[in-house]
Amino acid sequence: VLSETAAAADVVLPTTQWAEETGTMTNLEGRVLLRRRSVAAPSGVRS
């Protein structure tokens, strides 16, 4: 989104978010988890 910092940028690059991409997260226990892609990303964004 156009956050306060993005609004001040010379170049803004729109990226995918949590449910549109796959990757691992390590939770507060030190347990490595798999966050899976579950919906398609909007046209025009990249990871």
All heavy atoms as atom14 arrays in JSON, in Angstrom:
{
  "sequence": "VLSETAAAADVVLPTTQWAEETGTMTNLEGRVLLRRRSVAAPSGVRS",
  "atom14_mask": [
    [1, 1, 1, 1, 1, 1, 1, 0, 0, 0, 0, 0, 0, 0],
    [1, 1, 1, 1, 1, 1, 1, 1, 0, 0, 0, 0, 0, 0],
    [1, 1, 1, 1, 1, 1, 0, 0, 0, 0, 0, 0, 0, 0],
    [1, 1, 1, 1, 1, 1, 1, 1, 1, 0, 0, 0, 0, 0],
    [1, 1, 1, 1, 1, 1, 1, 0, 0, 0, 0, 0, 0, 0],
    [1, 1, 1, 1, 1, 0, 0, 0, 0, 0, 0, 0, 0, 0],
    [1, 1, 1, 1, 1, 0, 0, 0, 0, 0, 0, 0, 0, 0],
    [1, 1, 1, 1, 1, 0, 0, 0, 0, 0, 0, 0, 0, 0],
    [1, 1, 1, 1, 1, 0, 0, 0, 0, 0, 0, 0, 0, 0],
    [1, 1, 1, 1, 1, 1, 1, 1, 0, 0, 0, 0, 0, 0],
    [1, 1, 1, 1, 1, 1, 1, 0, 0, 0, 0, 0, 0, 0],
    [1, 1, 1, 1, 1, 1, 1, 0, 0, 0, 0, 0, 0, 0],
    [1, 1, 1, 1, 1, 1, 1, 1, 0, 0, 0, 0, 0, 0],
    [1, 1, 1, 1, 1, 1, 1, 0, 0, 0, 0, 0, 0, 0],
    [1, 1, 1, 1, 1, 1, 1, 0, 0, 0, 0, 0, 0, 0],
    [1, 1, 1, 1, 1, 1, 1, 0, 0, 0, 0, 0, 0, 0],
    [1, 1, 1, 1, 1, 1, 1, 1, 1, 0, 0, 0, 0, 0],
    [1, 1, 1, 1, 1, 1, 1, 1, 1, 1, 1, 1, 1, 1],
    [1, 1, 1, 1, 1, 0, 0, 0, 0, 0, 0, 0, 0, 0],
    [1, 1, 1, 1, 1, 1, 1, 1, 1, 0, 0, 0, 0, 0],
    [1, 1, 1, 1, 1, 1, 1, 1, 1, 0, 0, 0, 0, 0],
    [1, 1, 1, 1, 1, 1, 1, 0, 0, 0, 0, 0, 0, 0],
    [1, 1, 1, 1, 0, 0, 0, 0, 0, 0, 0, 0, 0, 0],
    [1, 1, 1, 1, 1, 1, 1, 0, 0, 0, 0, 0, 0, 0],
    [1, 1, 1, 1, 1, 1, 1, 1, 0, 0, 0, 0, 0, 0],
    [1, 1, 1, 1, 1, 1, 1, 0, 0, 0, 0, 0, 0, 0],
    [1, 1, 1, 1, 1, 1, 1, 1, 0, 0, 0, 0, 0, 0],
    [1, 1, 1, 1, 1, 1, 1, 1, 0, 0, 0, 0, 0, 0],
    [1, 1, 1, 1, 1, 1, 1, 1, 1, 0, 0, 0, 0, 0],
    [1, 1, 1, 1, 0, 0, 0, 0, 0, 0, 0, 0, 0, 0],
    [1, 1, 1, 1, 1, 1, 1, 1, 1, 1, 1, 0, 0, 0],
    [1, 1, 1, 1, 1, 1, 1, 0, 0, 0, 0, 0, 0, 0],
    [1, 1, 1, 1, 1, 1, 1, 1, 0, 0, 0, 0, 0, 0],
    [1, 1, 1, 1, 1, 1, 1, 1, 0, 0, 0, 0, 0, 0],
    [1, 1, 1, 1, 1, 1, 1, 1, 1, 1, 1, 0, 0, 0],
    [1, 1, 1, 1, 1, 1, 1, 1, 1, 1, 1, 0, 0, 0],
    [1, 1, 1, 1, 1, 1, 1, 1, 1, 1, 1, 0, 0, 0],
    [1, 1, 1, 1, 1, 1, 0, 0, 0, 0, 0, 0, 0, 0],
    [1, 1, 1, 1, 1, 1, 1, 0, 0, 0, 0, 0, 0, 0],
    [1, 1, 1, 1, 1, 0, 0, 0, 0, 0, 0, 0, 0, 0],
    [1, 1, 1, 1, 1, 0, 0, 0, 0, 0, 0, 0, 0, 0],
    [1, 1, 1, 1, 1, 1, 1, 0, 0, 0, 0, 0, 0, 0],
    [1, 1, 1, 1, 1, 1, 0, 0, 0, 0, 0, 0, 0, 0],
    [1, 1, 1, 1, 0, 0, 0, 0, 0, 0, 0, 0, 0, 0],
    [1, 1, 1, 1, 1, 1, 1, 0, 0, 0, 0, 0, 0, 0],
    [1, 1, 1, 1, 1, 1, 1, 1, 1, 1, 1, 0, 0, 0],
    [1, 1, 1, 1, 1, 1, 0, 0, 0, 0, 0, 0, 0, 0]
  ],
  "atom14_positions": [
    [[0.86, -1.18, 0.0], [0.0, 0.0, 0.0], [0.89, 1.23, 0.0], [2.1, 1.14, 0.23], [-0.93, 0.03, 1.23], [-1.93, -1.12, 1.2], [-0.12, 0.01, 2.53], [0.0, 0.0, 0.0], [0.0, 0.0, 0.0], [0.0, 0.0, 0.0], [0.0, 0.0, 0.0], [0.0, 0.0, 0.0], [0.0, 0.0, 0.0], [0.0, 0.0, 0.0]],
    [[0.28, 2.38, -0.24], [1.05, 3.61, -0.22], [1.16, 4.09, 1.23], [0.42, 4.97, 1.68], [0.39, 4.68, -1.1], [1.28, 5.87, -1.48], [2.42, 5.41, -2.39], [0.47, 6.95, -2.17], [0.0, 0.0, 0.0], [0.0, 0.0, 0.0], [0.0, 0.0, 0.0], [0.0, 0.0, 0.0], [0.0, 0.0, 0.0], [0.0, 0.0, 0.0]],
    [[2.07, 3.46, 1.96], [2.3, 3.83, 3.35], [2.86, 5.25, 3.4], [3.19, 5.86, 2.37], [3.31, 2.87, 3.98], [4.59, 3.06, 3.39], [0.0, 0.0, 0.0], [0.0, 0.0, 0.0], [0.0, 0.0, 0.0], [0.0, 0.0, 0.0], [0.0, 0.0, 0.0], [0.0, 0.0, 0.0], [0.0, 0.0, 0.0], [0.0, 0.0, 0.0]],
    [[2.98, 5.78, 4.62], [3.52, 7.13, 4.77], [4.93, 7.22, 4.19], [5.29, 8.23, 3.56], [3.54, 7.51, 6.26], [2.18, 7.81, 6.86], [1.28, 6.59, 7.0], [1.82, 5.46, 7.09], [0.05, 6.76, 7.04], [0.0, 0.0, 0.0], [0.0, 0.0, 0.0], [0.0, 0.0, 0.0], [0.0, 0.0, 0.0], [0.0, 0.0, 0.0]],
    [[5.74, 6.17, 4.35], [7.09, 6.19, 3.79], [7.06, 6.01, 2.28], [7.82, 6.67, 1.56], [7.95, 5.11, 4.46], [7.85, 5.24, 5.88], [9.4, 5.23, 4.04], [0.0, 0.0, 0.0], [0.0, 0.0, 0.0], [0.0, 0.0, 0.0], [0.0, 0.0, 0.0], [0.0, 0.0, 0.0], [0.0, 0.0, 0.0], [0.0, 0.0, 0.0]],
    [[6.2, 5.13, 1.79], [6.1, 4.94, 0.33], [5.66, 6.23, -0.35], [6.12, 6.55, -1.46], [5.11, 3.81, 0.02], [0.0, 0.0, 0.0], [0.0, 0.0, 0.0], [0.0, 0.0, 0.0], [0.0, 0.0, 0.0], [0.0, 0.0, 0.0], [0.0, 0.0, 0.0], [0.0, 0.0, 0.0], [0.0, 0.0, 0.0], [0.0, 0.0, 0.0]],
    [[4.79, 7.0, 0.3], [4.32, 8.26, -0.29], [5.45, 9.26, -0.46], [5.36, 10.18, -1.28], [3.22, 8.86, 0.57], [0.0, 0.0, 0.0], [0.0, 0.0, 0.0], [0.0, 0.0, 0.0], [0.0, 0.0, 0.0], [0.0, 0.0, 0.0], [0.0, 0.0, 0.0], [0.0, 0.0, 0.0], [0.0, 0.0, 0.0], [0.0, 0.0, 0.0]],
    [[6.55, 9.09, 0.28], [7.69, 10.0, 0.18], [8.76, 9.49, -0.78], [9.79, 10.14, -0.96], [8.31, 10.19, 1.56], [0.0, 0.0, 0.0], [0.0, 0.0, 0.0], [0.0, 0.0, 0.0], [0.0, 0.0, 0.0], [0.0, 0.0, 0.0], [0.0, 0.0, 0.0], [0.0, 0.0, 0.0], [0.0, 0.0, 0.0], [0.0, 0.0, 0.0]],
    [[8.54, 8.33, -1.42], [9.59, 7.67, -2.2], [9.69, 8.21, -3.62], [8.7, 8.68, -4.2], [9.34, 6.17, -2.22], [0.0, 0.0, 0.0], [0.0, 0.0, 0.0], [0.0, 0.0, 0.0], [0.0, 0.0, 0.0], [0.0, 0.0, 0.0], [0.0, 0.0, 0.0], [0.0, 0.0, 0.0], [0.0, 0.0, 0.0], [0.0, 0.0, 0.0]],
    [[10.88, 8.06, -4.21], [11.09, 8.36, -5.63], [10.59, 7.21, -6.49], [10.08, 7.43, -7.59], [12.58, 8.59, -5.9], [13.15, 9.71, -5.05], [12.77, 10.86, -5.28], [13.95, 9.42, -4.15], [0.0, 0.0, 0.0], [0.0, 0.0, 0.0], [0.0, 0.0, 0.0], [0.0, 0.0, 0.0], [0.0, 0.0, 0.0], [0.0, 0.0, 0.0]],
    [[10.78, 5.99, -6.0], [10.34, 4.79, -6.71], [9.55, 3.93, -5.74], [10.03, 3.63, -4.65], [11.52, 3.99, -7.29], [11.02, 2.73, -8.01], [12.35, 4.85, -8.23], [0.0, 0.0, 0.0], [0.0, 0.0, 0.0], [0.0, 0.0, 0.0], [0.0, 0.0, 0.0], [0.0, 0.0, 0.0], [0.0, 0.0, 0.0], [0.0, 0.0, 0.0]],
    [[8.34, 3.55, -6.14], [7.51, 2.67, -5.33], [7.24, 1.41, -6.14], [6.79, 1.48, -7.29], [6.17, 3.34, -4.95], [5.33, 2.4, -4.08], [6.42, 4.65, -4.22], [0.0, 0.0, 0.0], [0.0, 0.0, 0.0], [0.0, 0.0, 0.0], [0.0, 0.0, 0.0], [0.0, 0.0, 0.0], [0.0, 0.0, 0.0], [0.0, 0.0, 0.0]],
    [[7.53, 0.25, -5.54], [7.37, -1.02, -6.23], [6.31, -1.85, -5.52], [6.48, -2.21, -4.35], [8.7, -1.78, -6.26], [9.85, -1.02, -6.93], [11.16, -1.79, -6.79], [9.55, -0.74, -8.4], [0.0, 0.0, 0.0], [0.0, 0.0, 0.0], [0.0, 0.0, 0.0], [0.0, 0.0, 0.0], [0.0, 0.0, 0.0], [0.0, 0.0, 0.0]],
    [[5.17, -2.14, -6.18], [4.07, -2.86, -5.53], [4.37, -4.36, -5.45], [4.68, -5.0, -6.45], [2.89, -2.58, -6.45], [3.49, -2.37, -7.8], [4.84, -1.74, -7.56], [0.0, 0.0, 0.0], [0.0, 0.0, 0.0], [0.0, 0.0, 0.0], [0.0, 0.0, 0.0], [0.0, 0.0, 0.0], [0.0, 0.0, 0.0], [0.0, 0.0, 0.0]],
    [[4.28, -4.91, -4.24], [4.7, -6.28, -4.03], [3.57, -7.16, -3.5], [2.54, -6.67, -3.04], [5.88, -6.34, -3.05], [5.53, -5.63, -1.85], [7.12, -5.69, -3.65], [0.0, 0.0, 0.0], [0.0, 0.0, 0.0], [0.0, 0.0, 0.0], [0.0, 0.0, 0.0], [0.0, 0.0, 0.0], [0.0, 0.0, 0.0], [0.0, 0.0, 0.0]],
    [[3.81, -8.46, -3.6], [2.85, -9.43, -3.08], [2.86, -9.42, -1.56], [3.79, -8.94, -0.93], [3.2, -10.85, -3.57], [4.58, -11.11, -3.29], [2.96, -11.0, -5.06], [0.0, 0.0, 0.0], [0.0, 0.0, 0.0], [0.0, 0.0, 0.0], [0.0, 0.0, 0.0], [0.0, 0.0, 0.0], [0.0, 0.0, 0.0], [0.0, 0.0, 0.0]],
    [[1.8, -9.96, -0.97], [1.71, -10.04, 0.47], [1.42, -11.47, 0.91], [1.3, -12.38, 0.1], [0.63, -9.08, 0.99], [-0.76, -9.35, 0.43], [-1.82, -8.49, 1.12], [-1.83, -8.39, 2.34], [-2.68, -7.87, 0.33], [0.0, 0.0, 0.0], [0.0, 0.0, 0.0], [0.0, 0.0, 0.0], [0.0, 0.0, 0.0], [0.0, 0.0, 0.0]],
    [[1.29, -11.65, 2.21], [1.28, -12.93, 2.9], [0.58, -14.07, 2.17], [1.17, -15.12, 1.93], [0.67, -12.75, 4.3], [-0.78, -12.36, 4.29], [-1.31, -11.17, 3.89], [-1.88, -13.16, 4.7], [-2.68, -11.17, 4.02], [-3.06, -12.39, 4.52], [-2.01, -14.45, 5.2], [-4.33, -12.86, 4.83], [-3.28, -14.94, 5.51], [-4.42, -14.14, 5.33]],
    [[-0.69, -13.92, 1.8], [-1.45, -15.05, 1.24], [-1.23, -15.21, -0.26], [-1.77, -16.14, -0.86], [-2.94, -14.87, 1.52], [0.0, 0.0, 0.0], [0.0, 0.0, 0.0], [0.0, 0.0, 0.0], [0.0, 0.0, 0.0], [0.0, 0.0, 0.0], [0.0, 0.0, 0.0], [0.0, 0.0, 0.0], [0.0, 0.0, 0.0], [0.0, 0.0, 0.0]],
    [[-0.43, -14.31, -0.85], [-0.18, -14.37, -2.29], [1.2, -14.95, -2.61], [1.6, -14.95, -3.77], [-0.27, -12.95, -2.88], [-1.63, -12.31, -2.68], [-1.61, -10.8, -2.83], [-0.51, -10.22, -3.02], [-2.69, -10.19, -2.73], [0.0, 0.0, 0.0], [0.0, 0.0, 0.0], [0.0, 0.0, 0.0], [0.0, 0.0, 0.0], [0.0, 0.0, 0.0]],
    [[1.89, -15.44, -1.61], [3.25, -15.94, -1.8], [3.54, -17.02, -0.77], [2.89, -17.1, 0.27], [4.26, -14.79, -1.66], [4.16, -14.1, -0.3], [4.98, -12.82, -0.2], [5.42, -12.3, -1.23], [5.18, -12.36, 0.93], [0.0, 0.0, 0.0], [0.0, 0.0, 0.0], [0.0, 0.0, 0.0], [0.0, 0.0, 0.0], [0.0, 0.0, 0.0]],
    [[4.52, -17.83, -1.08], [4.94, -18.89, -0.17], [6.28, -18.51, 0.47], [7.12, -17.87, -0.17], [5.07, -20.22, -0.92], [3.76, -20.65, -1.32], [5.7, -21.3, -0.06], [0.0, 0.0, 0.0], [0.0, 0.0, 0.0], [0.0, 0.0, 0.0], [0.0, 0.0, 0.0], [0.0, 0.0, 0.0], [0.0, 0.0, 0.0], [0.0, 0.0, 0.0]],
    [[6.46, -18.9, 1.71], [7.72, -18.65, 2.39], [7.64, -19.15, 3.81], [6.57, -19.5, 4.32], [0.0, 0.0, 0.0], [0.0, 0.0, 0.0], [0.0, 0.0, 0.0], [0.0, 0.0, 0.0], [0.0, 0.0, 0.0], [0.0, 0.0, 0.0], [0.0, 0.0, 0.0], [0.0, 0.0, 0.0], [0.0, 0.0, 0.0], [0.0, 0.0, 0.0]],
    [[8.78, -19.19, 4.48], [8.82, -19.67, 5.86], [8.87, -18.5, 6.84], [9.42, -17.44, 6.54], [10.03, -20.59, 6.1], [11.24, -19.88, 5.8], [9.93, -21.84, 5.25], [0.0, 0.0, 0.0], [0.0, 0.0, 0.0], [0.0, 0.0, 0.0], [0.0, 0.0, 0.0], [0.0, 0.0, 0.0], [0.0, 0.0, 0.0], [0.0, 0.0, 0.0]],
    [[8.29, -18.72, 8.0], [8.31, -17.78, 9.11], [8.75, -18.56, 10.35], [8.43, -19.74, 10.49], [6.92, -17.19, 9.35], [6.26, -16.57, 8.13], [6.96, -14.98, 7.68], [6.18, -13.91, 8.9], [0.0, 0.0, 0.0], [0.0, 0.0, 0.0], [0.0, 0.0, 0.0], [0.0, 0.0, 0.0], [0.0, 0.0, 0.0], [0.0, 0.0, 0.0]],
    [[9.45, -17.91, 11.23], [9.87, -18.54, 12.48], [9.15, -17.84, 13.63], [9.38, -16.66, 13.88], [11.39, -18.45, 12.67], [12.03, -18.99, 11.51], [11.84, -19.22, 13.89], [0.0, 0.0, 0.0], [0.0, 0.0, 0.0], [0.0, 0.0, 0.0], [0.0, 0.0, 0.0], [0.0, 0.0, 0.0], [0.0, 0.0, 0.0], [0.0, 0.0, 0.0]],
    [[8.27, -18.57, 14.3], [7.43, -17.91, 15.29], [8.16, -17.69, 16.6], [9.35, -17.99, 16.73], [6.1, -18.67, 15.47], [6.23, -19.9, 16.35], [7.32, -20.35, 16.68], [5.1, -20.45, 16.75], [0.0, 0.0, 0.0], [0.0, 0.0, 0.0], [0.0, 0.0, 0.0], [0.0, 0.0, 0.0], [0.0, 0.0, 0.0], [0.0, 0.0, 0.0]],
    [[7.45, -17.17, 17.59], [8.09, -16.78, 18.84], [8.72, -17.95, 19.59], [9.6, -17.74, 20.45], [7.1, -16.03, 19.73], [6.07, -16.8, 20.56], [5.29, -15.83, 21.44], [5.12, -17.64, 19.76], [0.0, 0.0, 0.0], [0.0, 0.0, 0.0], [0.0, 0.0, 0.0], [0.0, 0.0, 0.0], [0.0, 0.0, 0.0], [0.0, 0.0, 0.0]],
    [[8.34, -19.18, 19.28], [8.92, -20.36, 19.92], [10.21, -20.83, 19.25], [10.85, -21.76, 19.74], [7.96, -21.54, 19.86], [6.55, -21.31, 20.33], [5.65, -22.43, 19.84], [5.3, -22.43, 18.65], [5.31, -23.31, 20.64], [0.0, 0.0, 0.0], [0.0, 0.0, 0.0], [0.0, 0.0, 0.0], [0.0, 0.0, 0.0], [0.0, 0.0, 0.0]],
    [[10.56, -20.25, 18.09], [11.66, -20.8, 17.3], [11.21, -21.95, 16.43], [12.03, -22.73, 15.95], [0.0, 0.0, 0.0], [0.0, 0.0, 0.0], [0.0, 0.0, 0.0], [0.0, 0.0, 0.0], [0.0, 0.0, 0.0], [0.0, 0.0, 0.0], [0.0, 0.0, 0.0], [0.0, 0.0, 0.0], [0.0, 0.0, 0.0], [0.0, 0.0, 0.0]],
    [[9.9, -22.03, 16.17], [9.33, -23.07, 15.33], [9.22, -22.52, 13.89], [8.54, -21.51, 13.66], [7.94, -23.46, 15.84], [7.36, -24.71, 15.19], [5.88, -24.89, 15.54], [5.58, -24.9, 16.96], [5.26, -25.99, 17.65], [5.2, -27.16, 17.05], [4.96, -25.89, 18.94], [0.0, 0.0, 0.0], [0.0, 0.0, 0.0], [0.0, 0.0, 0.0]],
    [[9.9, -23.16, 12.95], [9.88, -22.71, 11.55], [8.61, -23.24, 10.9], [8.35, -24.45, 10.89], [11.13, -23.18, 10.79], [11.14, -22.6, 9.39], [12.4, -22.78, 11.54], [0.0, 0.0, 0.0], [0.0, 0.0, 0.0], [0.0, 0.0, 0.0], [0.0, 0.0, 0.0], [0.0, 0.0, 0.0], [0.0, 0.0, 0.0], [0.0, 0.0, 0.0]],
    [[7.81, -22.32, 10.36], [6.5, -22.63, 9.8], [6.47, -22.31, 8.31], [7.29, -21.53, 7.82], [5.42, -21.81, 10.51], [5.33, -21.98, 12.03], [4.48, -20.87, 12.63], [4.75, -23.34, 12.39], [0.0, 0.0, 0.0], [0.0, 0.0, 0.0], [0.0, 0.0, 0.0], [0.0, 0.0, 0.0], [0.0, 0.0, 0.0], [0.0, 0.0, 0.0]],
    [[5.51, -22.89, 7.62], [5.37, -22.65, 6.18], [4.1, -21.84, 5.92], [3.0, -22.3, 6.17], [5.3, -23.97, 5.41], [5.29, -23.85, 3.89], [6.59, -23.22, 3.39], [5.09, -25.23, 3.25], [0.0, 0.0, 0.0], [0.0, 0.0, 0.0], [0.0, 0.0, 0.0], [0.0, 0.0, 0.0], [0.0, 0.0, 0.0], [0.0, 0.0, 0.0]],
    [[4.3, -20.61, 5.46], [3.18, -19.77, 5.05], [2.96, -20.0, 3.55], [3.81, -19.62, 2.73], [3.48, -18.31, 5.34], [2.3, -17.38, 5.12], [2.73, -15.93, 5.21], [2.74, -15.43, 6.57], [3.1, -14.2, 6.9], [3.51, -13.36, 5.96], [3.1, -13.8, 8.15], [0.0, 0.0, 0.0], [0.0, 0.0, 0.0], [0.0, 0.0, 0.0]],
    [[1.86, -20.62, 3.21], [1.62, -21.03, 1.83], [0.84, -19.98, 1.04], [-0.02, -19.29, 1.59], [0.82, -22.34, 1.79], [1.51, -23.55, 2.37], [0.54, -24.72, 2.38], [1.14, -25.96, 2.85], [1.22, -26.33, 4.11], [0.76, -25.53, 5.06], [1.75, -27.48, 4.44], [0.0, 0.0, 0.0], [0.0, 0.0, 0.0], [0.0, 0.0, 0.0]],
    [[1.13, -19.94, -0.24], [0.33, -19.12, -1.14], [-1.07, -19.72, -1.22], [-1.23, -20.9, -1.45], [0.96, -19.07, -2.53], [0.16, -18.22, -3.48], [0.8, -18.12, -4.85], [-0.03, -17.32, -5.74], [0.24, -17.09, -7.01], [1.32, -17.64, -7.55], [-0.55, -16.34, -7.74], [0.0, 0.0, 0.0], [0.0, 0.0, 0.0], [0.0, 0.0, 0.0]],
    [[-2.08, -18.88, -1.01], [-3.45, -19.38, -0.99], [-4.4, -18.64, -1.92], [-5.51, -19.11, -2.16], [-4.0, -19.33, 0.44], [-3.73, -18.09, 1.05], [0.0, 0.0, 0.0], [0.0, 0.0, 0.0], [0.0, 0.0, 0.0], [0.0, 0.0, 0.0], [0.0, 0.0, 0.0], [0.0, 0.0, 0.0], [0.0, 0.0, 0.0], [0.0, 0.0, 0.0]],
    [[-3.99, -17.48, -2.44], [-4.78, -16.77, -3.45], [-3.82, -16.21, -4.49], [-2.63, -16.05, -4.25], [-5.61, -15.62, -2.84], [-6.56, -16.12, -1.77], [-4.72, -14.52, -2.28], [0.0, 0.0, 0.0], [0.0, 0.0, 0.0], [0.0, 0.0, 0.0], [0.0, 0.0, 0.0], [0.0, 0.0, 0.0], [0.0, 0.0, 0.0], [0.0, 0.0, 0.0]],
    [[-4.36, -15.91, -5.64], [-3.54, -15.31, -6.7], [-3.29, -13.84, -6.39], [-4.15, -13.15, -5.83], [-4.25, -15.45, -8.04], [0.0, 0.0, 0.0], [0.0, 0.0, 0.0], [0.0, 0.0, 0.0], [0.0, 0.0, 0.0], [0.0, 0.0, 0.0], [0.0, 0.0, 0.0], [0.0, 0.0, 0.0], [0.0, 0.0, 0.0], [0.0, 0.0, 0.0]],
    [[-2.12, -13.38, -6.75], [-1.79, -11.97, -6.55], [-2.47, -11.11, -7.62], [-2.74, -11.58, -8.73], [-0.28, -11.78, -6.64], [0.0, 0.0, 0.0], [0.0, 0.0, 0.0], [0.0, 0.0, 0.0], [0.0, 0.0, 0.0], [0.0, 0.0, 0.0], [0.0, 0.0, 0.0], [0.0, 0.0, 0.0], [0.0, 0.0, 0.0], [0.0, 0.0, 0.0]],
    [[-2.76, -9.86, -7.32], [-3.34, -8.98, -8.34], [-2.38, -8.81, -9.52], [-1.16, -8.88, -9.37], [-3.52, -7.65, -7.61], [-3.42, -7.96, -6.17], [-2.56, -9.17, -6.05], [0.0, 0.0, 0.0], [0.0, 0.0, 0.0], [0.0, 0.0, 0.0], [0.0, 0.0, 0.0], [0.0, 0.0, 0.0], [0.0, 0.0, 0.0], [0.0, 0.0, 0.0]],
    [[-2.94, -8.58, -10.66], [-2.11, -8.29, -11.84], [-1.3, -7.03, -11.59], [-1.81, -6.04, -11.06], [-3.02, -8.1, -13.06], [-2.26, -7.73, -14.18], [0.0, 0.0, 0.0], [0.0, 0.0, 0.0], [0.0, 0.0, 0.0], [0.0, 0.0, 0.0], [0.0, 0.0, 0.0], [0.0, 0.0, 0.0], [0.0, 0.0, 0.0], [0.0, 0.0, 0.0]],
    [[-0.01, -7.09, -11.91], [0.83, -5.9, -11.79], [1.76, -5.88, -10.6], [2.58, -4.99, -10.5], [0.0, 0.0, 0.0], [0.0, 0.0, 0.0], [0.0, 0.0, 0.0], [0.0, 0.0, 0.0], [0.0, 0.0, 0.0], [0.0, 0.0, 0.0], [0.0, 0.0, 0.0], [0.0, 0.0, 0.0], [0.0, 0.0, 0.0], [0.0, 0.0, 0.0]],
    [[1.63, -6.85, -9.69], [2.53, -6.87, -8.54], [3.55, -7.99, -8.7], [3.31, -8.96, -9.41], [1.77, -7.02, -7.21], [0.69, -5.97, -7.07], [1.18, -8.4, -7.07], [0.0, 0.0, 0.0], [0.0, 0.0, 0.0], [0.0, 0.0, 0.0], [0.0, 0.0, 0.0], [0.0, 0.0, 0.0], [0.0, 0.0, 0.0], [0.0, 0.0, 0.0]],
    [[4.68, -7.83, -8.04], [5.72, -8.85, -8.03], [6.17, -9.11, -6.6], [5.98, -8.26, -5.72], [6.92, -8.4, -8.88], [6.62, -8.23, -10.35], [7.88, -7.93, -11.15], [7.56, -7.68, -12.56], [8.47, -7.41, -13.5], [9.77, -7.37, -13.17], [8.1, -7.19, -14.75], [0.0, 0.0, 0.0], [0.0, 0.0, 0.0], [0.0, 0.0, 0.0]],
    [[6.79, -10.24, -6.38], [7.27, -10.56, -5.03], [8.54, -9.76, -4.73], [9.25, -9.31, -5.63], [7.57, -12.05, -4.91], [8.72, -12.38, -5.66], [0.0, 0.0, 0.0], [0.0, 0.0, 0.0], [0.0, 0.0, 0.0], [0.0, 0.0, 0.0], [0.0, 0.0, 0.0], [0.0, 0.0, 0.0], [0.0, 0.0, 0.0], [0.0, 0.0, 0.0]]
  ]
}
